[in-house]
């Protein structure tokens, strides 16, 4: 009799030789049912598994001999469309089949029909045999014990490593503690990461992307096997966390980006960048502001006059390559407008603007308020909608721009002029039609102008 894994109040998924791993080994193997007739109508991207325009009943009869057998047929009702007929669970399953260079019936795309069927049989078998198990995978996850935000030293991790319970169809092979820890090396790495006491505690969501794992892989949230041939789960592009797609929905917003994954400065999400470098603000912002203020704020047309685009691009490449070691001194770039241009370019290339897409409508509405006092109150509330890293960076930039206006007689840059320059740079809204975007420009200017003038009150 199989062990009921839900007999105990505390559910603990197997860690290494998991139930789901064993089920994948038991899944039926694909058996291609070849067509003996030569037909001219066979699409070039199908092989001998193509049987032409046969009925569901004919396909069912042909496939009834063996579990895992499959064929492709052309639809009688809709000529030119194709169906994958697959034998599973003593019945024939029919799936609309597509090809766009790769074969697919759902989200996953495969190089061959054989791989598609193999993955389909694994998925059908596991989801049929372990539906309740899968539904409860996220209960008491291993992530709560070894997640990198809860532990900060290896001895604690060792105390919390779960024991491998018996799998439903028998005990897992005995493994020593050393090997058990080796299999969870990425979890150990996360658990032993120490956050600097000075590092900002910005919350960040994981940047999950569908991923194909080579070789057996286990979810770093629930510790269960990630089944299938391809696209078995998702991987965070910023910190490398590997989890099931369903587990990704319950992982805390505690992404700690790793510099091995975050390989650039420009066009990188702002919160991702500051967490990867353990800074309050992007280093490019701090370094450019420091360089501009060190050389003097009296430069006429500061931020309005453009530097040479080739040299601005060179500064960008330097930051992407060298990070905080980038040389932006007067020795490297004599023209201060190049540094100012590089700072503006950084904000223009942010994937999520400094004043975020979500907060944009509220800021625009604030700009439409005629009464200065009410506009200030509304702006104070709008700032609360920004992520902490965005708000801190905006505060720093506005303080700098206010210092720029203190030299208005020399540099000819008032808060209004700076609002014209920085409004569209800091505020962008996706999907607006040309006329609406044009109308918003004056409100963008007014918002930035108000932020500069009242920097000491608003932040």
Protein backbone atom coordinates (compact mmCIF):
# COMPACT_ATOMS: atom_id res chain seq x y z
CA UNK A 1 0.00 0.00 0.00
CA UNK A 2 1.38 3.41 -0.96
CA UNK A 3 2.23 5.82 1.81
CA UNK A 4 -0.19 8.71 2.08
CA UNK A 5 2.03 11.79 2.08
CA UNK A 6 -0.75 13.86 3.63
CA UNK A 7 -1.17 11.75 6.81
CA UNK A 8 0.86 14.22 8.87
CA UNK A 9 -0.17 17.71 9.88
CA UNK A 10 3.16 19.11 8.75
CA UNK A 11 3.67 18.53 5.03
CA UNK A 12 7.34 18.21 4.04
CA UNK A 13 8.11 17.48 0.39
CA UNK A 14 10.93 15.09 -0.46
CA UNK A 15 14.18 16.87 -1.22
CA UNK A 16 16.20 14.62 -3.54
CA UNK A 17 14.60 11.40 -4.85
CA UNK A 18 11.22 13.04 -4.86
CA UNK A 19 7.85 11.54 -5.59
CA UNK A 20 7.50 13.65 -8.73
CA UNK A 21 10.95 12.61 -9.96
CA UNK A 22 9.96 8.96 -9.62
CA UNK A 23 6.68 9.57 -11.39
CA UNK A 24 8.53 11.10 -14.34
CA UNK A 25 10.53 7.88 -14.67
CA UNK A 26 7.28 5.88 -14.68
CA UNK A 27 5.52 7.98 -17.32
CA UNK A 28 4.57 6.16 -20.56
CA UNK A 29 7.06 6.40 -23.40
CA UNK A 30 5.98 7.79 -26.77
CA UNK A 31 5.22 5.21 -29.48
CA UNK A 32 5.00 6.67 -32.97
CA UNK A 33 2.32 4.99 -35.06
CA UNK A 34 3.67 5.16 -38.60
CA UNK A 35 1.52 5.41 -41.68
CA UNK A 36 2.26 2.77 -44.35
CA UNK A 37 0.66 4.77 -47.14
CA UNK A 38 2.60 7.37 -49.09
CA UNK A 39 0.59 10.57 -49.48
CA UNK A 40 1.33 13.77 -51.38
CA UNK A 41 -0.55 15.92 -48.88
CA UNK A 42 1.81 15.40 -45.93
CA UNK A 43 3.22 18.74 -44.62
CA UNK A 44 7.01 18.87 -44.87
CA UNK A 45 7.44 19.38 -41.12
CA UNK A 46 5.66 16.08 -40.21
CA UNK A 47 7.06 12.59 -40.60
CA UNK A 48 5.56 9.13 -41.00
CA UNK A 49 3.35 9.73 -37.95
CA UNK A 50 1.11 11.75 -40.31
CA UNK A 51 -1.94 9.72 -41.38
CA UNK A 52 -3.77 12.25 -43.53
CA UNK A 53 -7.47 13.02 -43.26
CA UNK A 54 -8.81 10.25 -41.03
CA UNK A 55 -11.67 10.43 -38.53
CA UNK A 56 -11.47 10.49 -34.74
CA UNK A 57 -12.91 6.97 -34.70
CA UNK A 58 -10.26 5.66 -37.09
CA UNK A 59 -7.50 7.30 -35.03
CA UNK A 60 -8.94 5.85 -31.83
CA UNK A 61 -8.96 2.36 -33.33
CA UNK A 62 -5.37 2.65 -34.54
CA UNK A 63 -4.12 3.93 -31.19
CA UNK A 64 -6.01 1.49 -28.96
CA UNK A 65 -3.22 -1.07 -28.94
CA UNK A 66 -0.64 0.71 -26.77
CA UNK A 67 -0.39 3.43 -24.11
CA UNK A 68 1.68 6.37 -25.29
CA UNK A 69 1.06 5.73 -28.99
CA UNK A 70 0.41 8.79 -31.15
CA UNK A 71 -0.31 9.97 -34.67
CA UNK A 72 -1.12 13.19 -36.51
CA UNK A 73 -4.23 13.57 -38.62
CA UNK A 74 -5.76 16.33 -40.71
CA UNK A 75 -9.13 17.57 -39.53
CA UNK A 76 -12.09 16.47 -41.64
CA UNK A 77 -14.15 19.42 -40.44
CA UNK A 78 -11.42 22.02 -40.96
CA UNK A 79 -9.04 20.96 -43.75
CA UNK A 80 -5.59 22.50 -43.38
CA UNK A 81 -5.63 22.17 -39.59
CA UNK A 82 -3.96 19.28 -37.79
CA UNK A 83 -4.61 17.24 -34.66
CA UNK A 84 -2.25 15.28 -32.45
CA UNK A 85 -4.05 12.11 -31.32
CA UNK A 86 -2.43 10.59 -28.22
CA UNK A 87 -3.30 7.46 -26.23
CA UNK A 88 -3.22 8.02 -22.49
CA UNK A 89 -5.21 6.49 -19.63
CA UNK A 90 -6.88 3.98 -21.98
CA UNK A 91 -8.45 6.74 -24.02
CA UNK A 92 -7.47 8.84 -27.02
CA UNK A 93 -6.75 12.52 -26.35
CA UNK A 94 -6.95 14.97 -29.25
CA UNK A 95 -4.99 18.25 -29.32
CA UNK A 96 -5.00 20.96 -31.98
CA UNK A 97 -1.45 21.01 -33.32
CA UNK A 98 0.40 24.12 -34.51
CA UNK A 99 3.72 24.83 -36.21
CA UNK A 100 5.57 28.15 -36.50
CA UNK A 101 9.05 26.74 -36.94
CA UNK A 102 8.48 24.73 -33.77
CA UNK A 103 5.69 22.36 -32.79
CA UNK A 104 3.22 23.26 -30.04
CA UNK A 105 -0.22 22.58 -28.61
CA UNK A 106 0.08 25.06 -25.72
CA UNK A 107 2.70 27.48 -24.36
CA UNK A 108 5.70 25.16 -24.79
CA UNK A 109 7.39 24.93 -28.19
CA UNK A 110 9.35 21.86 -29.30
CA UNK A 111 11.89 21.06 -31.99
CA UNK A 112 10.27 17.69 -32.72
CA UNK A 113 6.92 15.96 -32.38
CA UNK A 114 8.66 13.22 -30.40
CA UNK A 115 9.80 15.73 -27.74
CA UNK A 116 6.34 17.31 -27.63
CA UNK A 117 4.70 13.92 -27.03
CA UNK A 118 7.33 12.90 -24.46
CA UNK A 119 6.78 16.08 -22.47
CA UNK A 120 3.00 15.75 -22.84
CA UNK A 121 2.98 12.19 -21.51
CA UNK A 122 5.14 13.20 -18.52
CA UNK A 123 2.83 16.12 -17.73
CA UNK A 124 -0.37 14.08 -18.15
CA UNK A 125 0.98 11.23 -16.03
CA UNK A 126 2.25 13.41 -13.18
CA UNK A 127 -0.79 15.69 -13.10
CA UNK A 128 -3.09 12.63 -13.11
CA UNK A 129 -1.22 10.65 -10.46
CA UNK A 130 -0.25 13.53 -8.19
CA UNK A 131 -2.96 16.18 -8.56
CA UNK A 132 -3.49 16.50 -4.79
CA UNK A 133 0.23 16.41 -4.12
CA UNK A 134 0.89 19.22 -6.61
CA UNK A 135 -1.95 21.29 -5.17
CA UNK A 136 -0.29 21.10 -1.74
CA UNK A 137 3.34 21.56 -2.83
CA UNK A 138 3.58 25.12 -1.55
CA UNK A 139 2.47 24.26 2.00
CA UNK A 140 5.35 24.70 4.47
CA UNK A 141 7.93 25.28 1.72
CA UNK A 142 11.64 24.79 2.24
CA UNK A 143 12.05 28.46 1.27
CA UNK A 144 10.70 29.47 4.68
CA UNK A 145 13.62 27.68 6.33
CA UNK A 146 16.51 28.38 3.97
CA UNK A 147 15.24 31.39 2.02
CA UNK A 148 18.04 33.93 1.90
CA UNK A 149 16.12 36.58 3.81
CA UNK A 150 15.51 34.46 6.92
CA UNK A 151 18.96 33.02 7.63
CA UNK A 152 22.40 34.56 7.61
CA UNK A 153 24.75 31.87 8.75
CA UNK A 154 25.47 28.33 7.62
CA UNK A 155 25.14 26.55 11.02
CA UNK A 156 21.52 27.73 11.22
CA UNK A 157 20.92 26.39 7.74
CA UNK A 158 22.19 22.97 8.74
CA UNK A 159 19.77 22.83 11.64
CA UNK A 160 16.85 23.63 9.35
CA UNK A 161 17.62 21.36 6.40
CA UNK A 162 14.56 19.08 6.14
CA UNK A 163 14.98 15.33 6.32
CA UNK A 164 14.05 13.35 3.23
CA UNK A 165 10.80 11.54 4.04
CA UNK A 166 9.80 8.39 2.28
CA UNK A 167 8.37 8.84 -1.18
CA UNK A 168 4.86 7.44 -1.77
CA UNK A 169 6.16 4.33 -3.51
CA UNK A 170 8.99 3.47 -1.17
CA UNK A 171 11.93 4.92 0.76
CA UNK A 172 14.46 7.08 -1.00
CA UNK A 173 18.05 5.90 -1.08
CA UNK A 174 19.98 6.97 2.00
CA UNK A 175 22.24 10.00 1.46
CA UNK A 176 24.81 11.49 3.79
CA UNK A 177 24.47 15.04 5.09
CA UNK A 178 27.35 16.32 2.98
CA UNK A 179 25.75 15.20 -0.27
CA UNK A 180 22.35 16.51 0.81
CA UNK A 181 23.83 19.95 1.29
CA UNK A 182 25.64 19.80 -2.05
CA UNK A 183 22.32 19.27 -3.80
CA UNK A 184 21.04 22.48 -2.29
CA UNK A 185 24.09 24.58 -3.03
CA UNK A 186 22.12 27.46 -4.46
CA UNK A 187 19.89 27.50 -1.39
CA UNK A 188 22.93 27.46 0.85
CA UNK A 189 24.36 30.37 -1.11
CA UNK A 190 21.18 32.37 -0.60
CA UNK A 191 20.96 31.52 3.09
CA UNK A 192 24.51 32.57 3.80
CA UNK A 193 24.36 35.91 2.00
CA UNK A 194 24.82 38.72 4.51
CA UNK A 195 23.17 42.03 3.86
CA UNK A 196 25.25 45.06 4.78
CA UNK A 197 23.90 46.97 7.75
CA UNK A 198 24.11 50.06 5.58
CA UNK A 199 22.35 48.51 2.61
CA UNK A 200 18.87 49.88 1.96
CA UNK A 201 16.02 47.46 2.63
CA UNK A 202 14.25 48.00 -0.67
CA UNK A 203 11.62 45.40 -1.55
CA UNK A 204 11.93 43.94 -5.04
CA UNK A 205 9.82 41.45 -6.95
CA UNK A 206 11.60 38.61 -8.71
CA UNK A 207 12.06 38.94 -12.47
CA UNK A 208 10.91 35.45 -13.43
CA UNK A 209 11.36 34.15 -16.98
CA UNK A 210 10.33 30.75 -18.34
CA UNK A 211 13.44 28.57 -18.35
CA UNK A 212 14.57 25.18 -19.64
CA UNK A 213 16.76 23.38 -17.11
CA UNK A 214 19.36 20.89 -18.31
CA UNK A 215 19.35 17.75 -16.22
CA UNK A 216 17.21 17.10 -13.12
CA UNK A 217 16.28 20.26 -11.23
CA UNK A 218 14.49 20.87 -7.93
CA UNK A 219 12.39 23.90 -7.05
CA UNK A 220 14.12 26.27 -4.63
CA UNK A 221 10.79 27.21 -3.07
CA UNK A 222 9.06 23.89 -2.37
CA UNK A 223 12.04 21.52 -2.98
CA UNK A 224 9.99 19.34 -5.32
CA UNK A 225 11.21 18.04 -8.67
CA UNK A 226 10.64 20.25 -11.71
CA UNK A 227 9.16 17.87 -14.26
CA UNK A 228 9.11 17.90 -18.03
CA UNK A 229 11.61 18.07 -20.90
CA UNK A 230 11.62 21.84 -21.46
CA UNK A 231 10.31 25.00 -19.77
CA UNK A 232 10.01 23.06 -16.51
CA UNK A 233 9.84 26.23 -14.44
CA UNK A 234 10.95 29.83 -14.19
CA UNK A 235 14.26 31.48 -13.29
CA UNK A 236 14.73 34.96 -11.84
CA UNK A 237 16.87 36.85 -14.34
CA UNK A 238 18.21 39.07 -11.56
CA UNK A 239 19.09 36.69 -8.71
CA UNK A 240 18.96 33.23 -10.31
CA UNK A 241 16.18 31.76 -8.14
CA UNK A 242 14.72 28.61 -9.80
CA UNK A 243 11.12 27.67 -8.99
CA UNK A 244 7.99 26.05 -10.40
CA UNK A 245 5.74 28.43 -12.30
CA UNK A 246 3.00 27.93 -9.69
CA UNK A 247 5.48 28.51 -6.85
CA UNK A 248 6.60 31.81 -8.41
CA UNK A 249 3.19 33.25 -7.53
CA UNK A 250 3.82 32.85 -3.78
CA UNK A 251 7.55 33.63 -3.53
CA UNK A 252 8.05 36.75 -1.36
CA UNK A 253 9.17 40.01 -2.98
CA UNK A 254 12.68 39.57 -1.62
CA UNK A 255 14.81 39.38 -4.76
CA UNK A 256 18.47 40.10 -4.05
CA UNK A 257 20.04 40.65 -7.48
CA UNK A 258 23.40 39.06 -8.15
CA UNK A 259 26.01 40.94 -10.17
CA UNK A 260 26.62 37.73 -12.12
CA UNK A 261 23.13 38.18 -13.56
CA UNK A 262 22.92 41.99 -13.62
CA UNK A 263 25.51 42.75 -16.29
CA UNK A 264 24.74 46.36 -17.18
CA UNK A 265 23.96 49.74 -15.63
CA UNK A 266 21.99 51.54 -18.32
CA UNK A 267 18.59 50.07 -19.30
CA UNK A 268 18.56 48.08 -16.05
CA UNK A 269 15.61 48.29 -13.66
CA UNK A 270 16.49 50.92 -11.05
CA UNK A 271 15.62 48.85 -7.96
CA UNK A 272 17.46 45.86 -9.41
CA UNK A 273 20.59 47.96 -9.92
CA UNK A 274 20.70 49.49 -6.44
CA UNK A 275 20.08 46.14 -4.74
CA UNK A 276 22.76 44.45 -6.85
CA UNK A 277 25.29 47.11 -5.84
CA UNK A 278 24.01 47.60 -2.25
CA UNK A 279 23.52 51.34 -2.72
CA UNK A 280 20.69 53.74 -1.95
CA UNK A 281 20.75 55.19 -5.45
CA UNK A 282 22.19 54.13 -8.81
CA UNK A 283 25.93 54.81 -8.77
CA UNK A 284 25.67 56.53 -12.16
CA UNK A 285 23.38 59.17 -10.62
CA UNK A 286 25.64 59.81 -7.63
CA UNK A 287 28.83 59.87 -9.70
CA UNK A 288 27.47 62.19 -12.40
CA UNK A 289 26.00 64.61 -9.85
CA UNK A 290 29.24 64.66 -7.84
CA UNK A 291 31.29 65.31 -10.99
CA UNK A 292 29.00 68.11 -12.17
CA UNK A 293 28.95 69.82 -8.77
CA UNK A 294 32.71 69.39 -8.31
CA UNK A 295 33.47 71.13 -11.61
CA UNK A 296 31.05 73.95 -10.83
CA UNK A 297 27.38 74.60 -11.42
CA UNK A 298 27.93 77.86 -13.27
CA UNK A 299 28.26 76.27 -16.71
CA UNK A 300 25.91 78.13 -19.04
CA UNK A 301 23.05 76.03 -20.37
CA UNK A 302 23.80 73.12 -18.03
CA UNK A 303 21.50 70.20 -18.99
CA UNK A 304 20.10 72.23 -21.90
CA UNK A 305 23.16 72.19 -24.16
CA UNK A 306 23.87 68.72 -25.52
CA UNK A 307 27.30 67.12 -25.51
CA UNK A 308 28.61 65.03 -28.40
CA UNK A 309 26.37 61.94 -28.65
CA UNK A 310 29.33 59.65 -29.44
CA UNK A 311 31.07 60.66 -26.21
CA UNK A 312 27.86 60.35 -24.18
CA UNK A 313 27.51 56.83 -25.55
CA UNK A 314 31.13 56.22 -24.54
CA UNK A 315 30.31 57.21 -20.93
CA UNK A 316 27.37 54.81 -21.00
CA UNK A 317 29.57 51.94 -22.19
CA UNK A 318 32.10 52.81 -19.50
CA UNK A 319 29.46 52.52 -16.75
CA UNK A 320 28.11 49.28 -18.21
CA UNK A 321 31.61 47.83 -18.35
CA UNK A 322 33.25 49.22 -15.19
CA UNK A 323 30.38 50.22 -12.88
CA UNK A 324 31.54 52.52 -10.08
CA UNK A 325 35.11 52.30 -11.44
CA UNK A 326 34.13 54.21 -14.58
CA UNK A 327 36.32 57.26 -15.20
CA UNK A 328 34.21 60.35 -15.88
CA UNK A 329 36.74 62.91 -14.67
CA UNK A 330 37.70 66.03 -16.60
CA UNK A 331 40.79 64.16 -17.78
CA UNK A 332 38.59 61.65 -19.60
CA UNK A 333 35.78 64.05 -20.61
CA UNK A 334 36.64 67.72 -20.57
CA UNK A 335 33.17 68.90 -21.65
CA UNK A 336 30.81 68.89 -18.64
CA UNK A 337 27.81 68.65 -20.98
CA UNK A 338 28.88 65.08 -21.79
CA UNK A 339 28.45 64.06 -18.14
CA UNK A 340 25.13 65.93 -17.93
CA UNK A 341 24.03 64.20 -21.13
CA UNK A 342 25.04 60.80 -19.75
CA UNK A 343 22.90 61.40 -16.66
CA UNK A 344 19.87 62.38 -18.75
CA UNK A 345 20.44 59.34 -20.99
CA UNK A 346 20.43 57.07 -17.92
CA UNK A 347 16.96 58.29 -16.94
CA UNK A 348 15.67 58.10 -20.53
CA UNK A 349 16.76 54.48 -20.86
CA UNK A 350 15.23 53.22 -17.60
CA UNK A 351 12.80 50.40 -18.49
CA UNK A 352 10.46 51.78 -15.81
CA UNK A 353 10.75 55.60 -15.63
CA UNK A 354 11.87 57.33 -12.45
CA UNK A 355 8.26 58.49 -12.04
CA UNK A 356 6.78 55.09 -12.74
CA UNK A 357 4.07 54.17 -15.23
CA UNK A 358 1.73 53.29 -12.33
CA UNK A 359 2.22 56.67 -10.65
CA UNK A 360 2.21 58.73 -13.85
CA UNK A 361 -1.56 59.49 -14.00
CA UNK A 362 -1.55 60.77 -10.41
CA UNK A 363 1.41 63.08 -11.08
CA UNK A 364 -0.22 64.43 -14.25
CA UNK A 365 -3.45 65.13 -12.35
CA UNK A 366 -1.35 66.98 -9.77
CA UNK A 367 0.13 69.14 -12.52
CA UNK A 368 -3.38 70.17 -13.56
CA UNK A 369 -4.22 71.64 -10.13
CA UNK A 370 -4.15 75.45 -10.38
CA UNK A 371 -3.94 76.19 -6.65
CA UNK A 372 -0.27 76.00 -5.63
CA UNK A 373 -0.98 74.83 -2.06
CA UNK A 374 -3.34 72.08 -3.16
CA UNK A 375 -0.92 71.03 -5.89
CA UNK A 376 1.80 70.66 -3.26
CA UNK A 377 -0.45 68.50 -1.06
CA UNK A 378 -1.42 66.33 -4.01
CA UNK A 379 2.23 65.96 -5.05
CA UNK A 380 3.16 64.87 -1.54
CA UNK A 381 0.59 62.07 -1.77
CA UNK A 382 1.67 61.12 -5.30
CA UNK A 383 5.26 60.60 -4.13
CA UNK A 384 4.03 57.83 -1.83
CA UNK A 385 3.12 55.80 -4.93
CA UNK A 386 6.76 55.53 -6.01
CA UNK A 387 8.90 52.53 -5.04
CA UNK A 388 11.39 53.51 -2.30
CA UNK A 389 14.45 53.35 -4.59
CA UNK A 390 12.72 55.57 -7.16
CA UNK A 391 11.62 58.07 -4.52
CA UNK A 392 15.11 58.26 -3.00
CA UNK A 393 16.71 58.78 -6.41
CA UNK A 394 14.15 61.46 -7.30
CA UNK A 395 14.84 63.21 -3.98
CA UNK A 396 18.58 63.24 -4.67
CA UNK A 397 18.10 64.51 -8.23
CA UNK A 398 15.70 67.28 -7.18
CA UNK A 399 18.11 68.44 -4.45
CA UNK A 400 20.86 68.62 -7.08
CA UNK A 401 18.68 70.51 -9.57
CA UNK A 402 17.71 72.96 -6.86
CA UNK A 403 21.42 73.64 -6.30
CA UNK A 404 21.69 74.21 -10.07
CA UNK A 405 19.00 76.92 -9.85
CA UNK A 406 20.99 78.70 -7.14
CA UNK A 407 23.44 79.65 -9.91
CA UNK A 408 20.73 80.73 -12.35
CA UNK A 409 22.42 84.07 -13.06
CA UNK A 410 25.50 82.22 -14.36
CA UNK A 411 24.05 79.07 -15.91
CA UNK A 412 20.71 80.60 -17.05
CA UNK A 413 18.87 77.49 -15.84
CA UNK A 414 15.75 78.25 -13.80
CA UNK A 415 13.46 75.62 -12.29
CA UNK A 416 11.12 76.21 -15.22
CA UNK A 417 13.91 75.56 -17.74
CA UNK A 418 14.96 72.41 -15.89
CA UNK A 419 11.32 71.30 -15.82
CA UNK A 420 11.22 71.58 -19.61
CA UNK A 421 14.40 69.49 -19.90
CA UNK A 422 13.62 66.82 -17.29
CA UNK A 423 9.81 66.54 -17.56
CA UNK A 424 9.71 64.11 -20.52
CA UNK A 425 12.92 62.45 -19.28
CA UNK A 426 11.57 61.49 -15.87
CA UNK A 427 7.92 60.97 -16.82
CA UNK A 428 6.78 58.65 -19.60
CA UNK A 429 3.45 56.95 -20.07
CA UNK A 430 3.03 53.88 -22.29
CA UNK A 431 0.26 53.66 -24.84
CA UNK A 432 -0.72 57.31 -25.02
CA UNK A 433 -1.81 58.67 -28.39
CA UNK A 434 0.30 61.47 -29.87
CA UNK A 435 -2.16 64.25 -29.01
CA UNK A 436 -2.54 63.22 -25.36
CA UNK A 437 1.24 62.86 -24.98
CA UNK A 438 1.70 66.33 -26.45
CA UNK A 439 -0.83 67.83 -24.05
CA UNK A 440 0.89 66.13 -21.10
CA UNK A 441 4.23 67.85 -21.74
CA UNK A 442 3.21 71.09 -20.03
CA UNK A 443 2.02 69.18 -16.95
CA UNK A 444 5.26 67.17 -16.87
CA UNK A 445 7.19 70.45 -16.86
CA UNK A 446 5.04 71.88 -14.09
CA UNK A 447 5.40 68.74 -11.93
CA UNK A 448 9.20 68.71 -12.17
CA UNK A 449 9.37 72.48 -11.63
CA UNK A 450 7.28 72.13 -8.46
CA UNK A 451 9.43 69.22 -7.24
CA UNK A 452 12.60 71.29 -7.68
CA UNK A 453 11.24 74.45 -6.06
CA UNK A 454 9.75 72.58 -3.07
CA UNK A 455 12.35 69.83 -2.71
CA UNK A 456 12.98 70.61 0.95
CA UNK A 457 9.26 70.43 1.78
CA UNK A 458 8.22 67.42 -0.31
CA UNK A 459 10.96 64.96 0.61
